[in-house]
């Protein structure tokens, strides 16, 4: 697939989209270089799906611009569609056709020769664990199976850019992990992925960069680590070797950090720290008091904490 602009697989600038009195997108900027995953997070109705619909040429923006592979999504929509794969929130499958029939038909619609379309269908059914159900009508598939087939359908044309709108919905944890492996393999092969998700651990595991959308606006952007550092502070977790020293360890943590100490369990403590100097002081005090530790770890905030912090602080406005 030809990507005209090799520095960016896609770029959206100042996207605005209104539905009646509701502003779904209010000046959204999104971009990603080739061979990376951009995770887009946000509450329900924040504008994530609307952004994907614009980038995939399903709707036109009211203002702003968007390009995929260097092609304008409005003026050069046909060229964009040749480059992309799309798996939306809801499966778009023919219920009466078999799984193999759906994928083969899509391949033919994408101008693949008949034999190539069938071979590609076989490959994708195996990749998504659907070979045994290939000859069954889709109407007999479970929700998870339909979701996997819909994802397979988005890859029939070997797209250079793939838009996945909450692809894990309906998948059990095991199949979700399989999907993550498939996404990683697609990126290794050179594809670029825009992934919206409600599962924060999914974005943390897959995304090279994350854009957080709320009320139709991008309120934060950066790598997962950068976003975690943005809200400030780190967390120290302490597990004393002897339960009788738990109170003494808690006292040291309180004295050093001047912050409330959380007793996670009967043997573990947790406290927020402002900088690494506090950590050095803690270790010195534990040694002085002869408190032996089974575990002492310093962690950045979780992506879950980042998400809630950012969306709670965001300005209120119309939400799509």
C-alpha atoms as a PDB file:
ATOM      1  CA  UNK A   1       0.000   0.000   0.000  1.00  0.00           C
ATOM      2  CA  UNK A   2       1.286   3.463  -0.937  1.00  0.00           C
ATOM      3  CA  UNK A   3       1.457   5.936   1.934  1.00  0.00           C
ATOM      4  CA  UNK A   4       2.179   9.284   0.416  1.00  0.00           C
ATOM      5  CA  UNK A   5       3.347  10.972   3.616  1.00  0.00           C
ATOM      6  CA  UNK A   6       5.909   8.709   5.246  1.00  0.00           C
ATOM      7  CA  UNK A   7       6.346  10.857   8.366  1.00  0.00           C
ATOM      8  CA  UNK A   8       2.706  10.465   9.419  1.00  0.00           C
ATOM      9  CA  UNK A   9       0.308   7.658   8.620  1.00  0.00           C
ATOM     10  CA  UNK A  10      -2.630   9.901   9.435  1.00  0.00           C
ATOM     11  CA  UNK A  11      -3.212  13.414  10.713  1.00  0.00           C
ATOM     12  CA  UNK A  12      -6.339  15.251  11.813  1.00  0.00           C
ATOM     13  CA  UNK A  13      -6.178  18.966  12.548  1.00  0.00           C
ATOM     14  CA  UNK A  14      -8.867  21.079  14.166  1.00  0.00           C
ATOM     15  CA  UNK A  15     -11.696  18.622  13.469  1.00  0.00           C
ATOM     16  CA  UNK A  16     -15.147  19.980  14.249  1.00  0.00           C
ATOM     17  CA  UNK A  17     -18.320  17.942  13.898  1.00  0.00           C
ATOM     18  CA  UNK A  18     -21.763  18.901  15.125  1.00  0.00           C
ATOM     19  CA  UNK A  19     -24.965  16.896  15.233  1.00  0.00           C
ATOM     20  CA  UNK A  20     -27.728  19.430  15.698  1.00  0.00           C
ATOM     21  CA  UNK A  21     -26.986  21.338  18.892  1.00  0.00           C
ATOM     22  CA  UNK A  22     -24.418  18.771  20.053  1.00  0.00           C
ATOM     23  CA  UNK A  23     -20.745  19.341  19.318  1.00  0.00           C
ATOM     24  CA  UNK A  24     -19.149  15.911  18.987  1.00  0.00           C
ATOM     25  CA  UNK A  25     -15.706  17.175  17.956  1.00  0.00           C
ATOM     26  CA  UNK A  26     -14.486  20.595  18.994  1.00  0.00           C
ATOM     27  CA  UNK A  27     -11.097  21.142  17.363  1.00  0.00           C
ATOM     28  CA  UNK A  28      -9.565  17.668  17.632  1.00  0.00           C
ATOM     29  CA  UNK A  29      -5.947  17.021  16.576  1.00  0.00           C
ATOM     30  CA  UNK A  30      -4.752  13.425  16.147  1.00  0.00           C
ATOM     31  CA  UNK A  31      -1.736  11.943  14.388  1.00  0.00           C
ATOM     32  CA  UNK A  32       0.586   8.937  14.371  1.00  0.00           C
ATOM     33  CA  UNK A  33       3.746   7.965  12.493  1.00  0.00           C
ATOM     34  CA  UNK A  34       3.749   4.741  10.449  1.00  0.00           C
ATOM     35  CA  UNK A  35       4.155   1.487  12.341  1.00  0.00           C
ATOM     36  CA  UNK A  36       2.823   2.730  15.670  1.00  0.00           C
ATOM     37  CA  UNK A  37      -0.319   2.458  17.801  1.00  0.00           C
ATOM     38  CA  UNK A  38      -2.204   5.581  18.877  1.00  0.00           C
ATOM     39  CA  UNK A  39      -4.576   4.858  21.756  1.00  0.00           C
ATOM     40  CA  UNK A  40      -7.552   7.190  22.067  1.00  0.00           C
ATOM     41  CA  UNK A  41      -9.182   7.214  25.485  1.00  0.00           C
ATOM     42  CA  UNK A  42     -12.208   9.060  26.760  1.00  0.00           C
ATOM     43  CA  UNK A  43     -15.516   8.639  28.540  1.00  0.00           C
ATOM     44  CA  UNK A  44     -18.540   7.368  26.630  1.00  0.00           C
ATOM     45  CA  UNK A  45     -19.732  10.106  24.313  1.00  0.00           C
ATOM     46  CA  UNK A  46     -16.455  11.993  24.359  1.00  0.00           C
ATOM     47  CA  UNK A  47     -16.094  11.974  20.557  1.00  0.00           C
ATOM     48  CA  UNK A  48     -13.779   8.992  19.982  1.00  0.00           C
ATOM     49  CA  UNK A  49     -16.025   7.140  17.533  1.00  0.00           C
ATOM     50  CA  UNK A  50     -16.887  10.335  15.690  1.00  0.00           C
ATOM     51  CA  UNK A  51     -13.188  10.981  15.088  1.00  0.00           C
ATOM     52  CA  UNK A  52     -12.773   7.487  13.639  1.00  0.00           C
ATOM     53  CA  UNK A  53     -15.804   7.957  11.401  1.00  0.00           C
ATOM     54  CA  UNK A  54     -14.242  11.135   9.985  1.00  0.00           C
ATOM     55  CA  UNK A  55     -10.833   9.531   9.441  1.00  0.00           C
ATOM     56  CA  UNK A  56     -12.400   6.502   7.752  1.00  0.00           C
ATOM     57  CA  UNK A  57     -14.450   8.719   5.356  1.00  0.00           C
ATOM     58  CA  UNK A  58     -17.829   7.668   6.776  1.00  0.00           C
ATOM     59  CA  UNK A  59     -18.735  11.271   7.616  1.00  0.00           C
ATOM     60  CA  UNK A  60     -17.284  14.649   6.664  1.00  0.00           C
ATOM     61  CA  UNK A  61     -16.085  17.173   9.236  1.00  0.00           C
ATOM     62  CA  UNK A  62     -17.782  20.551   9.535  1.00  0.00           C
ATOM     63  CA  UNK A  63     -14.373  22.192   9.918  1.00  0.00           C
ATOM     64  CA  UNK A  64     -10.726  21.174  10.070  1.00  0.00           C
ATOM     65  CA  UNK A  65      -8.937  18.650   7.899  1.00  0.00           C
ATOM     66  CA  UNK A  66      -7.823  15.037   7.979  1.00  0.00           C
ATOM     67  CA  UNK A  67      -5.398  13.032   5.855  1.00  0.00           C
ATOM     68  CA  UNK A  68      -4.610   9.320   5.776  1.00  0.00           C
ATOM     69  CA  UNK A  69      -1.460   8.278   3.964  1.00  0.00           C
ATOM     70  CA  UNK A  70      -1.281  11.843   2.658  1.00  0.00           C
ATOM     71  CA  UNK A  71      -4.754  11.660   1.083  1.00  0.00           C
ATOM     72  CA  UNK A  72      -7.516  14.060   2.078  1.00  0.00           C
ATOM     73  CA  UNK A  73     -10.422  12.128   3.632  1.00  0.00           C
ATOM     74  CA  UNK A  74     -13.002  14.332   1.907  1.00  0.00           C
ATOM     75  CA  UNK A  75     -11.497  15.140  -1.503  1.00  0.00           C
ATOM     76  CA  UNK A  76      -9.658  11.812  -1.940  1.00  0.00           C
ATOM     77  CA  UNK A  77     -11.950   9.452  -0.050  1.00  0.00           C
ATOM     78  CA  UNK A  78     -11.574   6.601  -2.552  1.00  0.00           C
ATOM     79  CA  UNK A  79      -7.784   6.588  -2.145  1.00  0.00           C
ATOM     80  CA  UNK A  80      -8.151   6.645   1.639  1.00  0.00           C
ATOM     81  CA  UNK A  81     -10.486   3.641   1.592  1.00  0.00           C
ATOM     82  CA  UNK A  82      -7.894   1.613  -0.313  1.00  0.00           C
ATOM     83  CA  UNK A  83      -5.427   2.187   2.521  1.00  0.00           C
ATOM     84  CA  UNK A  84      -7.545   1.514   5.583  1.00  0.00           C
ATOM     85  CA  UNK A  85      -9.233  -1.237   7.533  1.00  0.00           C
ATOM     86  CA  UNK A  86     -12.056  -0.480   9.965  1.00  0.00           C
ATOM     87  CA  UNK A  87     -13.630  -2.446  12.798  1.00  0.00           C
ATOM     88  CA  UNK A  88     -16.363  -0.387  14.430  1.00  0.00           C
ATOM     89  CA  UNK A  89     -18.157  -0.973  17.696  1.00  0.00           C
ATOM     90  CA  UNK A  90     -20.829  -3.055  15.991  1.00  0.00           C
ATOM     91  CA  UNK A  91     -20.225  -5.998  13.684  1.00  0.00           C
ATOM     92  CA  UNK A  92     -21.031  -5.437  10.001  1.00  0.00           C
ATOM     93  CA  UNK A  93     -21.484  -9.013   8.830  1.00  0.00           C
ATOM     94  CA  UNK A  94     -23.945 -10.863   6.616  1.00  0.00           C
ATOM     95  CA  UNK A  95     -25.778 -13.146   9.038  1.00  0.00           C
ATOM     96  CA  UNK A  96     -26.779 -15.644   6.354  1.00  0.00           C
ATOM     97  CA  UNK A  97     -23.302 -16.151   4.937  1.00  0.00           C
ATOM     98  CA  UNK A  98     -20.695 -18.377   6.536  1.00  0.00           C
ATOM     99  CA  UNK A  99     -17.621 -16.928   8.201  1.00  0.00           C
ATOM    100  CA  UNK A 100     -15.548 -17.952   5.187  1.00  0.00           C
ATOM    101  CA  UNK A 101     -18.177 -16.549   2.845  1.00  0.00           C
ATOM    102  CA  UNK A 102     -18.132 -13.158   4.544  1.00  0.00           C
ATOM    103  CA  UNK A 103     -14.383 -12.795   4.256  1.00  0.00           C
ATOM    104  CA  UNK A 104     -14.249 -14.113   0.693  1.00  0.00           C
ATOM    105  CA  UNK A 105     -17.016 -11.738  -0.413  1.00  0.00           C
ATOM    106  CA  UNK A 106     -15.201  -8.812   1.135  1.00  0.00           C
ATOM    107  CA  UNK A 107     -11.996  -9.828  -0.630  1.00  0.00           C
ATOM    108  CA  UNK A 108     -13.805  -9.889  -3.972  1.00  0.00           C
ATOM    109  CA  UNK A 109     -15.304  -6.444  -3.254  1.00  0.00           C
ATOM    110  CA  UNK A 110     -11.740  -5.262  -2.685  1.00  0.00           C
ATOM    111  CA  UNK A 111     -10.864  -6.565  -6.179  1.00  0.00           C
ATOM    112  CA  UNK A 112      -8.854  -9.559  -4.986  1.00  0.00           C
ATOM    113  CA  UNK A 113      -8.817 -12.481  -7.467  1.00  0.00           C
ATOM    114  CA  UNK A 114     -11.151 -15.289  -6.374  1.00  0.00           C
ATOM    115  CA  UNK A 115      -8.347 -17.657  -5.400  1.00  0.00           C
ATOM    116  CA  UNK A 116      -6.524 -14.919  -3.473  1.00  0.00           C
ATOM    117  CA  UNK A 117      -9.713 -13.928  -1.651  1.00  0.00           C
ATOM    118  CA  UNK A 118     -10.283 -17.526  -0.544  1.00  0.00           C
ATOM    119  CA  UNK A 119      -6.686 -17.960   0.588  1.00  0.00           C
ATOM    120  CA  UNK A 120      -6.822 -14.700   2.513  1.00  0.00           C
ATOM    121  CA  UNK A 121     -10.062 -15.812   4.187  1.00  0.00           C
ATOM    122  CA  UNK A 122      -8.428 -19.083   5.244  1.00  0.00           C
ATOM    123  CA  UNK A 123      -5.444 -17.238   6.704  1.00  0.00           C
ATOM    124  CA  UNK A 124      -7.549 -14.818   8.729  1.00  0.00           C
ATOM    125  CA  UNK A 125      -9.940 -17.474  10.034  1.00  0.00           C
ATOM    126  CA  UNK A 126      -6.957 -19.421  11.335  1.00  0.00           C
ATOM    127  CA  UNK A 127      -5.364 -16.287  12.796  1.00  0.00           C
ATOM    128  CA  UNK A 128      -8.513 -15.455  14.756  1.00  0.00           C
ATOM    129  CA  UNK A 129      -9.241 -19.017  15.880  1.00  0.00           C
ATOM    130  CA  UNK A 130     -12.340 -19.423  13.708  1.00  0.00           C
ATOM    131  CA  UNK A 131     -11.288 -22.216  11.344  1.00  0.00           C
ATOM    132  CA  UNK A 132     -13.638 -24.752  12.951  1.00  0.00           C
ATOM    133  CA  UNK A 133     -16.568 -22.353  12.476  1.00  0.00           C
ATOM    134  CA  UNK A 134     -15.618 -21.268   8.953  1.00  0.00           C
ATOM    135  CA  UNK A 135     -18.475 -23.177   7.249  1.00  0.00           C
ATOM    136  CA  UNK A 136     -21.159 -22.121   9.734  1.00  0.00           C
ATOM    137  CA  UNK A 137     -23.596 -19.274   9.139  1.00  0.00           C
ATOM    138  CA  UNK A 138     -22.663 -16.172  11.099  1.00  0.00           C
ATOM    139  CA  UNK A 139     -26.160 -16.209  12.642  1.00  0.00           C
ATOM    140  CA  UNK A 140     -24.981 -19.207  14.718  1.00  0.00           C
ATOM    141  CA  UNK A 141     -21.879 -17.414  16.064  1.00  0.00           C
ATOM    142  CA  UNK A 142     -21.573 -16.211  19.634  1.00  0.00           C
ATOM    143  CA  UNK A 143     -21.019 -12.514  20.290  1.00  0.00           C
ATOM    144  CA  UNK A 144     -17.304 -13.026  20.820  1.00  0.00           C
ATOM    145  CA  UNK A 145     -16.978 -15.021  17.603  1.00  0.00           C
ATOM    146  CA  UNK A 146     -18.761 -12.336  15.622  1.00  0.00           C
ATOM    147  CA  UNK A 147     -16.432  -9.731  17.085  1.00  0.00           C
ATOM    148  CA  UNK A 148     -13.389 -11.739  16.040  1.00  0.00           C
ATOM    149  CA  UNK A 149     -14.788 -12.244  12.536  1.00  0.00           C
ATOM    150  CA  UNK A 150     -15.482  -8.505  12.230  1.00  0.00           C
ATOM    151  CA  UNK A 151     -11.885  -7.793  13.216  1.00  0.00           C
ATOM    152  CA  UNK A 152     -10.682 -10.329  10.658  1.00  0.00           C
ATOM    153  CA  UNK A 153     -12.804  -8.595   8.026  1.00  0.00           C
ATOM    154  CA  UNK A 154     -10.986  -5.318   8.694  1.00  0.00           C
ATOM    155  CA  UNK A 155      -7.710  -6.977   7.651  1.00  0.00           C
ATOM    156  CA  UNK A 156      -8.777  -8.645   4.408  1.00  0.00           C
ATOM    157  CA  UNK A 157      -7.177  -5.972   2.235  1.00  0.00           C
ATOM    158  CA  UNK A 158      -3.866  -5.881   4.145  1.00  0.00           C
ATOM    159  CA  UNK A 159      -4.514  -2.258   5.149  1.00  0.00           C
ATOM    160  CA  UNK A 160      -1.696   0.153   5.922  1.00  0.00           C
ATOM    161  CA  UNK A 161      -3.813   2.005   8.502  1.00  0.00           C
ATOM    162  CA  UNK A 162      -6.302   0.230  10.764  1.00  0.00           C
ATOM    163  CA  UNK A 163      -9.000   1.914  12.825  1.00  0.00           C
ATOM    164  CA  UNK A 164     -10.181  -0.239  15.735  1.00  0.00           C
ATOM    165  CA  UNK A 165     -13.101   1.192  17.689  1.00  0.00           C
ATOM    166  CA  UNK A 166     -13.212  -0.641  21.036  1.00  0.00           C
ATOM    167  CA  UNK A 167     -12.158  -3.959  19.448  1.00  0.00           C
ATOM    168  CA  UNK A 168     -12.067  -5.906  22.741  1.00  0.00           C
ATOM    169  CA  UNK A 169     -15.728  -5.416  23.624  1.00  0.00           C
ATOM    170  CA  UNK A 170     -17.355  -8.825  23.959  1.00  0.00           C
ATOM    171  CA  UNK A 171     -14.096 -10.761  24.184  1.00  0.00           C
ATOM    172  CA  UNK A 172     -13.162 -12.797  27.238  1.00  0.00           C
ATOM    173  CA  UNK A 173      -9.735 -12.104  28.829  1.00  0.00           C
ATOM    174  CA  UNK A 174      -8.056 -14.948  26.952  1.00  0.00           C
ATOM    175  CA  UNK A 175      -9.339 -13.826  23.546  1.00  0.00           C
ATOM    176  CA  UNK A 176      -8.470 -10.219  24.451  1.00  0.00           C
ATOM    177  CA  UNK A 177      -4.865 -11.262  25.034  1.00  0.00           C
ATOM    178  CA  UNK A 178      -4.908 -13.065  21.670  1.00  0.00           C
ATOM    179  CA  UNK A 179      -6.183  -9.886  20.033  1.00  0.00           C
ATOM    180  CA  UNK A 180      -3.354  -7.885  21.589  1.00  0.00           C
ATOM    181  CA  UNK A 181      -0.865 -10.314  20.048  1.00  0.00           C
ATOM    182  CA  UNK A 182      -2.536  -9.891  16.661  1.00  0.00           C
ATOM    183  CA  UNK A 183      -2.388  -6.094  16.905  1.00  0.00           C
ATOM    184  CA  UNK A 184       1.289  -6.257  17.846  1.00  0.00           C
ATOM    185  CA  UNK A 185       1.986  -8.523  14.865  1.00  0.00           C
ATOM    186  CA  UNK A 186       0.179  -6.130  12.520  1.00  0.00           C
ATOM    187  CA  UNK A 187       2.331  -3.258  13.758  1.00  0.00           C
ATOM    188  CA  UNK A 188       5.491  -5.341  13.379  1.00  0.00           C
ATOM    189  CA  UNK A 189       4.438  -5.866   9.770  1.00  0.00           C
ATOM    190  CA  UNK A 190       4.319  -2.081   9.299  1.00  0.00           C
ATOM    191  CA  UNK A 191       0.656  -1.215   9.883  1.00  0.00           C
ATOM    192  CA  UNK A 192      -0.427   1.831  11.852  1.00  0.00           C
ATOM    193  CA  UNK A 193      -3.291   1.426  14.324  1.00  0.00           C
ATOM    194  CA  UNK A 194      -5.676   3.918  15.876  1.00  0.00           C
ATOM    195  CA  UNK A 195      -7.266   2.144  18.827  1.00  0.00           C
ATOM    196  CA  UNK A 196     -10.119   3.425  20.954  1.00  0.00           C
ATOM    197  CA  UNK A 197     -10.738   1.441  24.107  1.00  0.00           C
ATOM    198  CA  UNK A 198     -12.455   1.473  27.470  1.00  0.00           C
ATOM    199  CA  UNK A 199      -9.831  -0.896  28.857  1.00  0.00           C
ATOM    200  CA  UNK A 200      -7.024   1.250  30.226  1.00  0.00           C
ATOM    201  CA  UNK A 201      -4.696  -1.726  30.580  1.00  0.00           C
ATOM    202  CA  UNK A 202      -5.200  -2.336  26.853  1.00  0.00           C
ATOM    203  CA  UNK A 203      -3.957   1.150  25.973  1.00  0.00           C
ATOM    204  CA  UNK A 204      -1.084   0.774  28.427  1.00  0.00           C
ATOM    205  CA  UNK A 205      -0.076  -2.538  26.866  1.00  0.00           C
ATOM    206  CA  UNK A 206      -0.369  -1.563  23.201  1.00  0.00           C
ATOM    207  CA  UNK A 207      -0.127   2.174  22.622  1.00  0.00           C
ATOM    208  CA  UNK A 208       3.043   4.041  21.708  1.00  0.00           C
ATOM    209  CA  UNK A 209       1.154   7.273  22.363  1.00  0.00           C
ATOM    210  CA  UNK A 210      -2.199   8.118  23.906  1.00  0.00           C
ATOM    211  CA  UNK A 211      -4.619  10.971  23.246  1.00  0.00           C
ATOM    212  CA  UNK A 212      -7.284  11.577  25.882  1.00  0.00           C
ATOM    213  CA  UNK A 213     -10.517  13.073  24.525  1.00  0.00           C
ATOM    214  CA  UNK A 214     -13.222  14.624  26.670  1.00  0.00           C
ATOM    215  CA  UNK A 215     -16.154  16.809  25.610  1.00  0.00           C
ATOM    216  CA  UNK A 216     -14.950  16.658  22.010  1.00  0.00           C
ATOM    217  CA  UNK A 217     -11.479  17.998  22.754  1.00  0.00           C
ATOM    218  CA  UNK A 218      -8.042  16.415  23.186  1.00  0.00           C
ATOM    219  CA  UNK A 219      -7.150  17.245  26.786  1.00  0.00           C
ATOM    220  CA  UNK A 220      -3.845  15.345  26.951  1.00  0.00           C
ATOM    221  CA  UNK A 221      -1.392  13.572  24.654  1.00  0.00           C
ATOM    222  CA  UNK A 222       1.816  11.662  25.235  1.00  0.00           C
ATOM    223  CA  UNK A 223       3.301   8.248  25.819  1.00  0.00           C
ATOM    224  CA  UNK A 224       1.784   6.214  28.676  1.00  0.00           C
ATOM    225  CA  UNK A 225       4.829   7.024  30.823  1.00  0.00           C
ATOM    226  CA  UNK A 226       4.612  10.744  30.018  1.00  0.00           C
ATOM    227  CA  UNK A 227       0.944  10.866  30.979  1.00  0.00           C
ATOM    228  CA  UNK A 228       1.655   9.047  34.220  1.00  0.00           C
ATOM    229  CA  UNK A 229       4.334  11.571  35.097  1.00  0.00           C
ATOM    230  CA  UNK A 230       2.012  14.429  34.203  1.00  0.00           C
ATOM    231  CA  UNK A 231      -0.235  14.041  37.250  1.00  0.00           C
ATOM    232  CA  UNK A 232       2.841  14.078  39.459  1.00  0.00           C
ATOM    233  CA  UNK A 233       4.078  11.910  42.255  1.00  0.00           C
ATOM    234  CA  UNK A 234       4.950   8.280  42.545  1.00  0.00           C
ATOM    235  CA  UNK A 235       3.833   5.543  44.891  1.00  0.00           C
ATOM    236  CA  UNK A 236       6.022   3.560  47.270  1.00  0.00           C
ATOM    237  CA  UNK A 237       4.862   0.090  48.227  1.00  0.00           C
ATOM    238  CA  UNK A 238       6.422  -1.517  51.301  1.00  0.00           C
ATOM    239  CA  UNK A 239       6.072  -5.108  52.490  1.00  0.00           C
ATOM    240  CA  UNK A 240       7.872  -5.666  55.844  1.00  0.00           C
ATOM    241  CA  UNK A 241       9.304  -9.136  56.337  1.00  0.00           C
ATOM    242  CA  UNK A 242       7.866  -9.340  59.859  1.00  0.00           C
ATOM    243  CA  UNK A 243       4.236  -8.303  60.500  1.00  0.00           C
ATOM    244  CA  UNK A 244       5.162  -6.922  63.949  1.00  0.00           C
ATOM    245  CA  UNK A 245       7.204  -4.160  62.242  1.00  0.00           C
ATOM    246  CA  UNK A 246       4.274  -2.921  60.130  1.00  0.00           C
ATOM    247  CA  UNK A 247       3.373  -0.094  62.532  1.00  0.00           C
ATOM    248  CA  UNK A 248       6.991   1.037  62.735  1.00  0.00           C
ATOM    249  CA  UNK A 249       7.287   1.034  58.948  1.00  0.00           C
ATOM    250  CA  UNK A 250       4.063   3.042  58.647  1.00  0.00           C
ATOM    251  CA  UNK A 251       5.398   5.590  61.136  1.00  0.00           C
ATOM    252  CA  UNK A 252       8.580   6.064  59.085  1.00  0.00           C
ATOM    253  CA  UNK A 253       6.601   6.535  55.881  1.00  0.00           C
ATOM    254  CA  UNK A 254       4.388   9.159  57.517  1.00  0.00           C
ATOM    255  CA  UNK A 255       7.330  11.042  59.004  1.00  0.00           C
ATOM    256  CA  UNK A 256       9.276  11.138  55.751  1.00  0.00           C
ATOM    257  CA  UNK A 257       6.436  11.954  53.329  1.00  0.00           C
ATOM    258  CA  UNK A 258       4.013  13.879  55.588  1.00  0.00           C
ATOM    259  CA  UNK A 259       1.326  12.054  53.601  1.00  0.00           C
ATOM    260  CA  UNK A 260      -1.366   9.552  54.598  1.00  0.00           C
ATOM    261  CA  UNK A 261      -0.205   5.938  54.526  1.00  0.00           C
ATOM    262  CA  UNK A 262      -2.589   3.378  53.066  1.00  0.00           C
ATOM    263  CA  UNK A 263      -2.646  -0.085  54.608  1.00  0.00           C
ATOM    264  CA  UNK A 264      -3.262  -2.159  51.498  1.00  0.00           C
ATOM    265  CA  UNK A 265      -3.407  -5.381  53.533  1.00  0.00           C
ATOM    266  CA  UNK A 266      -2.240  -6.809  56.832  1.00  0.00           C
ATOM    267  CA  UNK A 267       1.317  -6.902  55.459  1.00  0.00           C
ATOM    268  CA  UNK A 268       1.589  -4.115  52.849  1.00  0.00           C
ATOM    269  CA  UNK A 269       1.728  -0.310  52.989  1.00  0.00           C
ATOM    270  CA  UNK A 270       1.420   2.302  50.247  1.00  0.00           C
ATOM    271  CA  UNK A 271       2.154   6.033  50.224  1.00  0.00           C
ATOM    272  CA  UNK A 272       2.554   8.782  47.604  1.00  0.00           C
ATOM    273  CA  UNK A 273       5.972  10.455  47.374  1.00  0.00           C
ATOM    274  CA  UNK A 274       6.920  13.725  45.720  1.00  0.00           C
ATOM    275  CA  UNK A 275      10.495  12.881  44.660  1.00  0.00           C
ATOM    276  CA  UNK A 276      13.296  10.325  44.861  1.00  0.00           C
ATOM    277  CA  UNK A 277      14.905  12.027  47.876  1.00  0.00           C
ATOM    278  CA  UNK A 278      12.068  10.749  50.040  1.00  0.00           C
ATOM    279  CA  UNK A 279      12.865   7.216  48.898  1.00  0.00           C
ATOM    280  CA  UNK A 280      16.501   7.553  49.961  1.00  0.00           C
ATOM    281  CA  UNK A 281      15.444   8.831  53.380  1.00  0.00           C
ATOM    282  CA  UNK A 282      13.005   5.943  53.810  1.00  0.00           C
ATOM    283  CA  UNK A 283      15.637   3.302  53.102  1.00  0.00           C
ATOM    284  CA  UNK A 284      18.033   4.964  55.552  1.00  0.00           C
ATOM    285  CA  UNK A 285      15.407   5.023  58.305  1.00  0.00           C
ATOM    286  CA  UNK A 286      14.397   1.397  57.716  1.00  0.00           C
ATOM    287  CA  UNK A 287      18.047   0.370  58.095  1.00  0.00           C
ATOM    288  CA  UNK A 288      18.411   2.399  61.296  1.00  0.00           C
ATOM    289  CA  UNK A 289      15.304   0.777  62.794  1.00  0.00           C
ATOM    290  CA  UNK A 290      16.355  -2.719  61.655  1.00  0.00           C
ATOM    291  CA  UNK A 291      13.155  -3.158  59.681  1.00  0.00           C
ATOM    292  CA  UNK A 292      13.705  -5.837  57.050  1.00  0.00           C
ATOM    293  CA  UNK A 293      11.599  -5.621  53.891  1.00  0.00           C
ATOM    294  CA  UNK A 294      10.419  -8.370  51.579  1.00  0.00           C
ATOM    295  CA  UNK A 295       9.465  -5.762  49.000  1.00  0.00           C
ATOM    296  CA  UNK A 296      10.153  -2.088  48.412  1.00  0.00           C
ATOM    297  CA  UNK A 297       8.974  -0.685  45.069  1.00  0.00           C
ATOM    298  CA  UNK A 298       8.569   2.730  43.491  1.00  0.00           C
ATOM    299  CA  UNK A 299       5.821   3.019  40.890  1.00  0.00           C
ATOM    300  CA  UNK A 300       4.407   5.670  38.593  1.00  0.00           C
ATOM    301  CA  UNK A 301       0.658   6.308  38.865  1.00  0.00           C
ATOM    302  CA  UNK A 302      -1.470   3.791  36.968  1.00  0.00           C
ATOM    303  CA  UNK A 303      -3.044   4.804  33.672  1.00  0.00           C
ATOM    304  CA  UNK A 304      -6.382   4.414  35.446  1.00  0.00           C
ATOM    305  CA  UNK A 305      -5.376   7.125  37.927  1.00  0.00           C
ATOM    306  CA  UNK A 306      -4.188   9.347  35.074  1.00  0.00           C
ATOM    307  CA  UNK A 307      -7.425   8.920  33.144  1.00  0.00           C
ATOM    308  CA  UNK A 308      -9.648   9.780  36.072  1.00  0.00           C
ATOM    309  CA  UNK A 309      -7.470  12.721  37.064  1.00  0.00           C
ATOM    310  CA  UNK A 310      -7.523  14.193  33.562  1.00  0.00           C
ATOM    311  CA  UNK A 311     -11.221  13.721  32.870  1.00  0.00           C
ATOM    312  CA  UNK A 312     -12.253  15.004  36.286  1.00  0.00           C
ATOM    313  CA  UNK A 313     -10.175  18.151  35.737  1.00  0.00           C
ATOM    314  CA  UNK A 314     -11.385  18.760  32.180  1.00  0.00           C
ATOM    315  CA  UNK A 315     -13.671  21.747  31.542  1.00  0.00           C
ATOM    316  CA  UNK A 316     -17.336  20.887  31.283  1.00  0.00           C
ATOM    317  CA  UNK A 317     -19.094  21.348  27.942  1.00  0.00           C
ATOM    318  CA  UNK A 318     -21.337  19.641  25.418  1.00  0.00           C
ATOM    319  CA  UNK A 319     -20.639  15.931  25.172  1.00  0.00           C
ATOM    320  CA  UNK A 320     -21.500  13.908  22.106  1.00  0.00           C
END
